[in-house]
Amino acid sequence: MGNSGDQMLQSRFRPVDGTMLASNLLLARRQPAASVAVAMGSTTDKISGLANEAAGNVKQGLGKLTGDEKLKAEGKAQEVKGEGQQVVGDAKGAVKDAADTVKRKL
């Protein structure tokens, strides 16, 4: 895996405090690349989106409370990511519903 793959794994397995857990990185490296980047279903996207949105809001609140502009910005970015995941989940659900409707009519 190249450098960008390492960065992806590191960002995916970085705990809230910003440190890197070596055990998480080692576990991720053992998995085939396809299993690391598995496409999520609509419900999974929505749940992940809600979790990211909530975590982002917490980070923003802590950033405001402590005056940490970087933490506030990270929180906003995570909140936006969560909102995007929810939109993707909604879109996947709509496509699945449309496909099911077409199947029923056949």
Protein backbone atom coordinates (compact mmCIF):
# COMPACT_ATOMS: atom_id res chain seq x y z
CA MET A 1 0.00 0.00 0.00
CA GLY A 2 1.32 3.43 -0.89
CA ASN A 3 1.64 6.48 1.27
CA SER A 4 -1.91 7.69 0.56
CA GLY A 5 -3.26 4.32 1.72
CA ASP A 6 -1.34 4.66 4.96
CA GLN A 7 -2.81 8.13 5.47
CA MET A 8 -6.32 6.79 4.84
CA LEU A 9 -5.84 4.04 7.40
CA GLN A 10 -4.35 6.44 9.92
CA SER A 11 -7.23 8.91 9.59
CA ARG A 12 -9.80 6.11 9.78
CA PHE A 13 -8.34 4.66 12.98
CA ARG A 14 -7.42 7.85 14.83
CA PRO A 15 -9.11 8.11 18.25
CA VAL A 16 -10.76 11.34 19.39
CA ASP A 17 -7.67 12.46 21.31
CA GLY A 18 -5.65 12.49 18.07
CA THR A 19 -3.20 9.73 18.97
CA MET A 20 -2.64 6.73 16.73
CA LEU A 21 -3.40 3.27 18.03
CA ALA A 22 -0.79 0.95 16.54
CA SER A 23 -3.01 -2.08 17.12
CA ASN A 24 -5.79 -0.54 15.01
CA LEU A 25 -3.41 0.23 12.19
CA LEU A 26 -1.99 -3.30 12.30
CA LEU A 27 -5.48 -4.81 12.21
CA ALA A 28 -6.43 -2.65 9.27
CA ARG A 29 -3.29 -3.62 7.36
CA ARG A 30 -4.16 -7.31 7.72
CA GLN A 31 -7.47 -6.82 5.95
CA PRO A 32 -7.59 -6.90 2.16
CA ALA A 33 -7.95 -3.42 0.68
CA ALA A 34 -11.45 -4.24 -0.58
CA SER A 35 -12.71 -4.91 2.94
CA VAL A 36 -11.33 -1.61 4.23
CA ALA A 37 -13.30 0.42 1.69
CA VAL A 38 -16.60 -1.48 1.71
CA ALA A 39 -19.62 0.31 0.30
CA MET A 40 -22.14 1.04 3.02
CA GLY A 41 -25.88 0.54 2.83
CA SER A 42 -28.32 3.41 3.20
CA THR A 43 -29.03 2.71 6.89
CA THR A 44 -25.33 2.43 7.69
CA ASP A 45 -24.65 5.72 5.91
CA LYS A 46 -27.42 7.43 7.86
CA ILE A 47 -26.19 6.07 11.21
CA SER A 48 -22.57 6.99 10.44
CA GLY A 49 -23.76 10.42 9.35
CA LEU A 50 -25.64 10.98 12.59
CA ALA A 51 -22.62 9.82 14.62
CA ASN A 52 -20.25 12.11 12.72
CA GLU A 53 -22.65 15.00 13.05
CA ALA A 54 -22.96 14.47 16.80
CA ALA A 55 -19.20 14.09 17.27
CA GLY A 56 -18.65 17.21 15.19
CA ASN A 57 -21.07 19.18 17.33
CA VAL A 58 -19.30 18.00 20.49
CA LYS A 59 -15.91 19.02 19.06
CA GLN A 60 -17.27 22.43 18.10
CA GLY A 61 -18.68 22.91 21.59
CA LEU A 62 -15.42 21.92 23.23
CA GLY A 63 -13.53 24.18 20.85
CA LYS A 64 -15.76 27.12 21.74
CA LEU A 65 -15.49 26.34 25.44
CA THR A 66 -11.70 26.12 25.38
CA GLY A 67 -11.09 28.75 22.69
CA ASP A 68 -9.46 26.11 20.44
CA GLU A 69 -10.13 27.30 16.89
CA LYS A 70 -8.57 24.18 15.36
CA LEU A 71 -10.92 21.91 17.32
CA LYS A 72 -13.89 24.06 16.30
CA ALA A 73 -12.86 23.75 12.63
CA GLU A 74 -12.37 19.99 12.93
CA GLY A 75 -15.81 19.74 14.51
CA LYS A 76 -17.42 21.72 11.72
CA ALA A 77 -15.71 19.55 9.11
CA GLN A 78 -16.89 16.39 10.84
CA GLU A 79 -20.43 17.77 11.12
CA VAL A 80 -20.49 18.56 7.39
CA LYS A 81 -19.12 15.08 6.64
CA GLY A 82 -21.97 13.60 8.68
CA GLU A 83 -24.55 15.68 6.85
CA GLY A 84 -23.10 14.43 3.56
CA GLN A 85 -23.24 10.82 4.71
CA GLN A 86 -26.91 11.24 5.57
CA VAL A 87 -27.64 12.69 2.12
CA VAL A 88 -25.86 9.72 0.52
CA GLY A 89 -27.88 7.34 2.71
CA ASP A 90 -31.12 9.04 1.69
CA ALA A 91 -30.14 8.83 -1.98
CA LYS A 92 -29.25 5.14 -1.70
CA GLY A 93 -32.58 4.47 -0.01
CA ALA A 94 -34.47 6.31 -2.75
CA VAL A 95 -32.65 4.35 -5.47
CA LYS A 96 -33.39 1.07 -3.70
CA ASP A 97 -37.07 1.99 -3.31
CA ALA A 98 -37.28 2.91 -7.00
CA ALA A 99 -35.60 -0.36 -8.01
CA ASP A 100 -38.00 -2.33 -5.80
CA THR A 101 -40.97 -0.55 -7.42
CA VAL A 102 -39.68 -1.43 -10.89
CA LYS A 103 -39.14 -5.08 -9.85
CA ARG A 104 -42.71 -5.32 -8.55
CA LYS A 105 -44.08 -4.02 -11.84
CA LEU A 106 -42.17 -6.62 -13.89
